[in-house]
Structure formats: C-alpha cells, structure tokens
Amino acid sequence: MTVLFSLTVTGFASTGSKALTATFNNIKIYVDQNLVTPKDSNGNTVEPFISGGTTYLPVRAVADALGKEVSWDSATKSVYIGTQPTTPNQGTQTSVTLGEKNALAKAKSYLESMSFSYSGLIKQLEYEGFSSIEATYGADNCNANWDEQAAKKAKTYMESMSFSRDSLIQQLKYEGFTDSQAEYGAKAVGY
C-alpha cells in the first residue's frame, strides 16, 4: 500500500524564498524501460516529489541515467547537464580565479598519465587541497571525453586483473563512471 504524506519545505525562487507543500508518493523514474534509483552525489537515495501539480526529479539521478554529467555553478546559480557553455550565460561576466586555473592545470596533468571519472577527478583535486568549486571547474573545463576515460580505466584494470563483464562494469561504476560510461568501457576492451 502506498503511503501518502505532505511535508512543508522551503523552495527558492529567483529572489528570496517561499514555502511549498511537497507530496512524496513513492514516485519511480524509468529511463528507456529501466528503473532508476535516484541518488545524490554521495550515493544516498533521494526521492522525487510533487508540488503544485508538478513532479520534481533529482537532476543528478536523471542526468546519470541519461549518461550525462551534472554540475553546479554557484556563481551563476546554474545547473549544467552535459557540457557547460564556454562563454558566460546571459551577459554574466565571470572571471576565473587562480585556484580554478591551477585546478584545471592539475586536472589536465592527471589526465595525461591516468584515467579518471568526472567525479573521481573532482575528488582527487579536492584531495589535493582545491575547493569543491575549483575542483569542479577543473573537471568541467579539462575537455575530457569521459567515455574514453572509462575505456582507458577498463584497459588498465584488464591488464592487471581478470574481470567478468559485470564485475568490470561494477568496478567502473565504483570509480564514479555513469552506467553508460561503464558499459562503453567494458565494450572498449572486448565485452
């Protein structure tokens, strides 16, 4: 039996905030007939909800299911699915900080010798001491082909260990690659 309940949360408009009522009703997301379990960037399950007749879905989960990267630009308050524009949006002038420039240089340096997933590269840059914003900037602007990164990582794994197709895909997903990127990596090594 489906449990229906309402909860008041704060929603953010273009300026200020307003209260809204959210209805959680065990909403399921399917992409190409495949059930998607929505998760946040930390791997925690998140639930879609309905407010005012509109269904709200977790953008990261939907983007991952579509094989797209998602990123947040706090300076412009923008969510990007896929590739970020290289020019500022709507006349907004943003300048690149020294930390962002260095994070980008470090990201490119890493990718010359190793393979990373998008999220794995961000985590590595954060480990190096870059802020989340700087690390995300580096990963967003390094011009990496994440499918190719998955293929390189799969090749590296297969050169040192034996994997079944499913276990290789699971390992690539553990490394932060999306489902489609992990499938691409496995296919690239012959699975």
C-alpha atoms as a PDB file:
ATOM      1  CA  MET A   1       0.000   0.000   0.000  1.00  0.00           C
ATOM      2  CA  THR A   2       1.383   3.386  -0.950  1.00  0.00           C
ATOM      3  CA  VAL A   3       1.767   5.842   1.879  1.00  0.00           C
ATOM      4  CA  LEU A   4       0.964   9.439   1.002  1.00  0.00           C
ATOM      5  CA  PHE A   5       2.115  12.308   3.172  1.00  0.00           C
ATOM      6  CA  SER A   6       2.787  16.003   2.908  1.00  0.00           C
ATOM      7  CA  LEU A   7       5.690  17.980   4.223  1.00  0.00           C
ATOM      8  CA  THR A   8       6.480  21.663   4.157  1.00  0.00           C
ATOM      9  CA  VAL A   9       9.900  22.538   2.756  1.00  0.00           C
ATOM     10  CA  THR A  10      11.481  25.778   1.670  1.00  0.00           C
ATOM     11  CA  GLY A  11      11.787  26.355  -2.071  1.00  0.00           C
ATOM     12  CA  PHE A  12      13.989  29.016  -3.583  1.00  0.00           C
ATOM     13  CA  ALA A  13      12.723  31.399  -6.233  1.00  0.00           C
ATOM     14  CA  SER A  14      14.828  33.791  -8.282  1.00  0.00           C
ATOM     15  CA  THR A  15      14.972  36.098  -5.283  1.00  0.00           C
ATOM     16  CA  GLY A  16      14.079  35.169  -1.720  1.00  0.00           C
ATOM     17  CA  SER A  17      12.283  32.027  -0.720  1.00  0.00           C
ATOM     18  CA  LYS A  18       8.788  30.676  -0.311  1.00  0.00           C
ATOM     19  CA  ALA A  19       7.210  27.738   1.472  1.00  0.00           C
ATOM     20  CA  LEU A  20       5.773  24.887  -0.557  1.00  0.00           C
ATOM     21  CA  THR A  21       3.979  21.650   0.146  1.00  0.00           C
ATOM     22  CA  ALA A  22       5.648  18.537  -1.186  1.00  0.00           C
ATOM     23  CA  THR A  23       3.872  15.219  -1.623  1.00  0.00           C
ATOM     24  CA  PHE A  24       6.020  12.101  -1.565  1.00  0.00           C
ATOM     25  CA  ASN A  25       4.244   9.161  -3.171  1.00  0.00           C
ATOM     26  CA  ASN A  26       6.934   6.553  -3.942  1.00  0.00           C
ATOM     27  CA  ILE A  27       7.432   8.053  -7.413  1.00  0.00           C
ATOM     28  CA  LYS A  28       9.502   5.865  -9.714  1.00  0.00           C
ATOM     29  CA  ILE A  29      11.735   7.040 -12.561  1.00  0.00           C
ATOM     30  CA  TYR A  30      12.182   4.906 -15.684  1.00  0.00           C
ATOM     31  CA  VAL A  31      14.624   5.669 -18.491  1.00  0.00           C
ATOM     32  CA  ASP A  32      14.202   3.505 -21.589  1.00  0.00           C
ATOM     33  CA  GLN A  33      12.178   0.989 -19.550  1.00  0.00           C
ATOM     34  CA  ASN A  34      14.896   0.717 -16.882  1.00  0.00           C
ATOM     35  CA  LEU A  35      14.063   1.643 -13.301  1.00  0.00           C
ATOM     36  CA  VAL A  36      16.410   4.321 -11.952  1.00  0.00           C
ATOM     37  CA  THR A  37      17.124   4.572  -8.239  1.00  0.00           C
ATOM     38  CA  PRO A  38      17.816   8.282  -7.762  1.00  0.00           C
ATOM     39  CA  LYS A  39      20.932   9.032  -5.730  1.00  0.00           C
ATOM     40  CA  ASP A  40      22.692  12.241  -4.742  1.00  0.00           C
ATOM     41  CA  SER A  41      26.413  12.875  -5.287  1.00  0.00           C
ATOM     42  CA  ASN A  42      27.192  10.992  -2.054  1.00  0.00           C
ATOM     43  CA  GLY A  43      25.289   7.877  -3.131  1.00  0.00           C
ATOM     44  CA  ASN A  44      22.291   8.485  -0.834  1.00  0.00           C
ATOM     45  CA  THR A  45      18.860   7.608  -2.223  1.00  0.00           C
ATOM     46  CA  VAL A  46      16.698  10.680  -2.835  1.00  0.00           C
ATOM     47  CA  GLU A  47      13.001  10.728  -3.598  1.00  0.00           C
ATOM     48  CA  PRO A  48      11.122  12.679  -6.264  1.00  0.00           C
ATOM     49  CA  PHE A  49       8.129  14.686  -5.059  1.00  0.00           C
ATOM     50  CA  ILE A  50       5.088  16.573  -6.330  1.00  0.00           C
ATOM     51  CA  SER A  51       4.345  20.200  -5.516  1.00  0.00           C
ATOM     52  CA  GLY A  52       1.571  22.260  -7.042  1.00  0.00           C
ATOM     53  CA  GLY A  53       0.860  19.593  -9.658  1.00  0.00           C
ATOM     54  CA  THR A  54       4.474  19.492 -10.882  1.00  0.00           C
ATOM     55  CA  THR A  55       6.708  16.462 -10.348  1.00  0.00           C
ATOM     56  CA  TYR A  56      10.245  17.375  -9.246  1.00  0.00           C
ATOM     57  CA  LEU A  57      13.033  14.923 -10.016  1.00  0.00           C
ATOM     58  CA  PRO A  58      16.606  14.872  -8.678  1.00  0.00           C
ATOM     59  CA  VAL A  59      18.590  16.299 -11.577  1.00  0.00           C
ATOM     60  CA  ARG A  60      21.766  14.301 -10.803  1.00  0.00           C
ATOM     61  CA  ALA A  61      19.877  10.996 -10.917  1.00  0.00           C
ATOM     62  CA  VAL A  62      18.180  11.836 -14.201  1.00  0.00           C
ATOM     63  CA  ALA A  63      21.411  13.087 -15.765  1.00  0.00           C
ATOM     64  CA  ASP A  64      23.293   9.952 -14.630  1.00  0.00           C
ATOM     65  CA  ALA A  65      20.548   7.759 -16.088  1.00  0.00           C
ATOM     66  CA  LEU A  66      20.933   9.588 -19.398  1.00  0.00           C
ATOM     67  CA  GLY A  67      24.722   9.224 -19.277  1.00  0.00           C
ATOM     68  CA  LYS A  68      25.280  12.952 -18.776  1.00  0.00           C
ATOM     69  CA  GLU A  69      27.418  14.716 -16.214  1.00  0.00           C
ATOM     70  CA  VAL A  70      25.764  17.278 -13.978  1.00  0.00           C
ATOM     71  CA  SER A  71      27.467  20.220 -12.358  1.00  0.00           C
ATOM     72  CA  TRP A  72      26.504  23.246 -10.318  1.00  0.00           C
ATOM     73  CA  ASP A  73      27.904  26.740 -10.813  1.00  0.00           C
ATOM     74  CA  SER A  74      27.262  28.625  -7.594  1.00  0.00           C
ATOM     75  CA  ALA A  75      28.467  31.916  -9.080  1.00  0.00           C
ATOM     76  CA  THR A  76      25.728  31.934 -11.723  1.00  0.00           C
ATOM     77  CA  LYS A  77      23.344  29.631  -9.820  1.00  0.00           C
ATOM     78  CA  SER A  78      23.187  27.343 -12.832  1.00  0.00           C
ATOM     79  CA  VAL A  79      22.787  23.589 -13.199  1.00  0.00           C
ATOM     80  CA  TYR A  80      24.544  22.139 -16.227  1.00  0.00           C
ATOM     81  CA  ILE A  81      23.640  18.773 -17.685  1.00  0.00           C
ATOM     82  CA  GLY A  82      26.289  17.640 -20.124  1.00  0.00           C
ATOM     83  CA  THR A  83      28.820  20.165 -21.313  1.00  0.00           C
ATOM     84  CA  GLN A  84      28.943  23.619 -19.774  1.00  0.00           C
ATOM     85  CA  PRO A  85      28.963  26.572 -22.139  1.00  0.00           C
ATOM     86  CA  THR A  86      32.410  28.043 -22.636  1.00  0.00           C
ATOM     87  CA  THR A  87      31.119  31.603 -22.679  1.00  0.00           C
ATOM     88  CA  PRO A  88      29.286  33.214 -19.758  1.00  0.00           C
ATOM     89  CA  ASN A  89      25.486  32.968 -19.912  1.00  0.00           C
ATOM     90  CA  GLN A  90      23.161  35.943 -20.406  1.00  0.00           C
ATOM     91  CA  GLY A  91      25.877  38.566 -20.355  1.00  0.00           C
ATOM     92  CA  THR A  92      27.180  37.482 -16.952  1.00  0.00           C
ATOM     93  CA  GLN A  93      30.876  38.229 -16.651  1.00  0.00           C
ATOM     94  CA  THR A  94      32.739  35.713 -14.546  1.00  0.00           C
ATOM     95  CA  SER A  95      36.452  35.703 -14.039  1.00  0.00           C
ATOM     96  CA  VAL A  96      38.476  32.593 -13.449  1.00  0.00           C
ATOM     97  CA  THR A  97      40.266  32.548 -10.115  1.00  0.00           C
ATOM     98  CA  LEU A  98      43.864  31.478  -9.648  1.00  0.00           C
ATOM     99  CA  GLY A  99      42.629  28.397  -7.771  1.00  0.00           C
ATOM    100  CA  GLU A 100      40.389  27.438 -10.706  1.00  0.00           C
ATOM    101  CA  LYS A 101      43.244  27.934 -13.186  1.00  0.00           C
ATOM    102  CA  ASN A 102      45.522  25.746 -11.081  1.00  0.00           C
ATOM    103  CA  ALA A 103      42.839  23.092 -10.619  1.00  0.00           C
ATOM    104  CA  LEU A 104      42.359  22.993 -14.395  1.00  0.00           C
ATOM    105  CA  ALA A 105      46.117  22.663 -14.973  1.00  0.00           C
ATOM    106  CA  LYS A 106      46.312  19.862 -12.383  1.00  0.00           C
ATOM    107  CA  ALA A 107      43.285  18.099 -13.923  1.00  0.00           C
ATOM    108  CA  LYS A 108      44.924  18.163 -17.372  1.00  0.00           C
ATOM    109  CA  SER A 109      48.186  16.927 -15.857  1.00  0.00           C
ATOM    110  CA  TYR A 110      46.445  13.990 -14.193  1.00  0.00           C
ATOM    111  CA  LEU A 111      44.617  13.042 -17.376  1.00  0.00           C
ATOM    112  CA  GLU A 112      47.892  12.882 -19.311  1.00  0.00           C
ATOM    113  CA  SER A 113      49.051   9.933 -17.230  1.00  0.00           C
ATOM    114  CA  MET A 114      45.951   8.407 -15.594  1.00  0.00           C
ATOM    115  CA  SER A 115      42.278   7.923 -16.254  1.00  0.00           C
ATOM    116  CA  PHE A 116      39.530   9.296 -14.041  1.00  0.00           C
ATOM    117  CA  SER A 117      35.776   9.543 -13.985  1.00  0.00           C
ATOM    118  CA  TYR A 118      34.347  13.037 -13.714  1.00  0.00           C
ATOM    119  CA  SER A 119      33.507  12.606 -10.018  1.00  0.00           C
ATOM    120  CA  GLY A 120      36.772  10.757  -9.378  1.00  0.00           C
ATOM    121  CA  LEU A 121      38.769  13.629 -10.835  1.00  0.00           C
ATOM    122  CA  ILE A 122      36.898  16.127  -8.665  1.00  0.00           C
ATOM    123  CA  LYS A 123      37.585  14.002  -5.567  1.00  0.00           C
ATOM    124  CA  GLN A 124      41.279  13.763  -6.466  1.00  0.00           C
ATOM    125  CA  LEU A 125      41.542  17.527  -6.944  1.00  0.00           C
ATOM    126  CA  GLU A 126      39.769  18.103  -3.624  1.00  0.00           C
ATOM    127  CA  TYR A 127      42.235  15.670  -2.013  1.00  0.00           C
ATOM    128  CA  GLU A 128      44.996  17.870  -3.436  1.00  0.00           C
ATOM    129  CA  GLY A 129      43.510  20.793  -1.476  1.00  0.00           C
ATOM    130  CA  PHE A 130      41.420  22.505  -4.132  1.00  0.00           C
ATOM    131  CA  SER A 131      37.983  23.700  -3.045  1.00  0.00           C
ATOM    132  CA  SER A 132      34.897  21.945  -4.417  1.00  0.00           C
ATOM    133  CA  ILE A 133      34.267  24.881  -6.764  1.00  0.00           C
ATOM    134  CA  GLU A 134      37.868  24.876  -8.010  1.00  0.00           C
ATOM    135  CA  ALA A 135      37.908  21.089  -8.457  1.00  0.00           C
ATOM    136  CA  THR A 136      34.597  21.147 -10.319  1.00  0.00           C
ATOM    137  CA  TYR A 137      35.881  23.939 -12.554  1.00  0.00           C
ATOM    138  CA  GLY A 138      38.960  21.849 -13.358  1.00  0.00           C
ATOM    139  CA  ALA A 139      36.889  18.784 -14.250  1.00  0.00           C
ATOM    140  CA  ASP A 140      34.341  20.813 -16.223  1.00  0.00           C
ATOM    141  CA  ASN A 141      36.928  22.589 -18.347  1.00  0.00           C
ATOM    142  CA  CYS A 142      39.633  19.958 -18.957  1.00  0.00           C
ATOM    143  CA  ASN A 143      37.875  18.801 -22.161  1.00  0.00           C
ATOM    144  CA  ALA A 144      37.952  15.162 -21.088  1.00  0.00           C
ATOM    145  CA  ASN A 145      35.955  12.586 -23.025  1.00  0.00           C
ATOM    146  CA  TRP A 146      34.507  10.604 -20.087  1.00  0.00           C
ATOM    147  CA  ASP A 147      33.649   7.609 -22.291  1.00  0.00           C
ATOM    148  CA  GLU A 148      37.297   7.418 -23.353  1.00  0.00           C
ATOM    149  CA  GLN A 149      38.381   7.802 -19.745  1.00  0.00           C
ATOM    150  CA  ALA A 150      36.197   4.789 -18.877  1.00  0.00           C
ATOM    151  CA  ALA A 151      37.753   2.826 -21.749  1.00  0.00           C
ATOM    152  CA  LYS A 152      41.280   3.666 -20.545  1.00  0.00           C
ATOM    153  CA  LYS A 153      40.421   2.704 -16.964  1.00  0.00           C
ATOM    154  CA  ALA A 154      38.879  -0.576 -18.157  1.00  0.00           C
ATOM    155  CA  LYS A 155      42.025  -1.343 -20.176  1.00  0.00           C
ATOM    156  CA  THR A 156      44.216  -0.616 -17.140  1.00  0.00           C
ATOM    157  CA  TYR A 157      42.144  -2.972 -14.999  1.00  0.00           C
ATOM    158  CA  MET A 158      42.159  -5.745 -17.588  1.00  0.00           C
ATOM    159  CA  GLU A 159      45.954  -5.515 -17.960  1.00  0.00           C
ATOM    160  CA  SER A 160      46.493  -6.272 -14.282  1.00  0.00           C
ATOM    161  CA  MET A 161      43.482  -8.408 -13.261  1.00  0.00           C
ATOM    162  CA  SER A 162      40.779 -10.641 -14.631  1.00  0.00           C
ATOM    163  CA  PHE A 163      37.210  -9.413 -14.590  1.00  0.00           C
ATOM    164  CA  SER A 164      33.894 -10.719 -15.811  1.00  0.00           C
ATOM    165  CA  ARG A 165      31.947  -8.195 -17.846  1.00  0.00           C
ATOM    166  CA  ASP A 166      29.573  -7.474 -14.953  1.00  0.00           C
ATOM    167  CA  SER A 167      32.336  -7.123 -12.373  1.00  0.00           C
ATOM    168  CA  LEU A 168      34.294  -4.780 -14.665  1.00  0.00           C
ATOM    169  CA  ILE A 169      31.208  -2.611 -15.141  1.00  0.00           C
ATOM    170  CA  GLN A 170      30.599  -2.596 -11.375  1.00  0.00           C
ATOM    171  CA  GLN A 171      34.234  -1.610 -10.750  1.00  0.00           C
ATOM    172  CA  LEU A 172      33.998   1.247 -13.242  1.00  0.00           C
ATOM    173  CA  LYS A 173      30.780   2.449 -11.618  1.00  0.00           C
ATOM    174  CA  TYR A 174      32.517   2.257  -8.235  1.00  0.00           C
ATOM    175  CA  GLU A 175      35.194   4.540  -9.709  1.00  0.00           C
ATOM    176  CA  GLY A 176      32.438   7.082 -10.455  1.00  0.00           C
ATOM    177  CA  PHE A 177      31.639   6.377 -14.089  1.00  0.00           C
ATOM    178  CA  THR A 178      27.982   6.530 -15.105  1.00  0.00           C
ATOM    179  CA  ASP A 179      26.175   3.386 -16.271  1.00  0.00           C
ATOM    180  CA  SER A 180      26.618   4.285 -19.941  1.00  0.00           C
ATOM    181  CA  GLN A 181      30.296   5.193 -19.470  1.00  0.00           C
ATOM    182  CA  ALA A 182      30.956   1.892 -17.654  1.00  0.00           C
ATOM    183  CA  GLU A 183      29.208  -0.008 -20.477  1.00  0.00           C
ATOM    184  CA  TYR A 184      31.330   1.891 -23.002  1.00  0.00           C
ATOM    185  CA  GLY A 185      34.498   0.994 -21.078  1.00  0.00           C
ATOM    186  CA  ALA A 186      33.596  -2.695 -20.997  1.00  0.00           C
ATOM    187  CA  LYS A 187      32.768  -2.682 -24.702  1.00  0.00           C
ATOM    188  CA  ALA A 188      36.075  -0.951 -25.477  1.00  0.00           C
ATOM    189  CA  VAL A 189      38.027  -3.903 -24.019  1.00  0.00           C
ATOM    190  CA  GLY A 190      36.006  -6.515 -25.863  1.00  0.00           C
ATOM    191  CA  TYR A 191      32.996  -7.205 -23.633  1.00  0.00           C
END
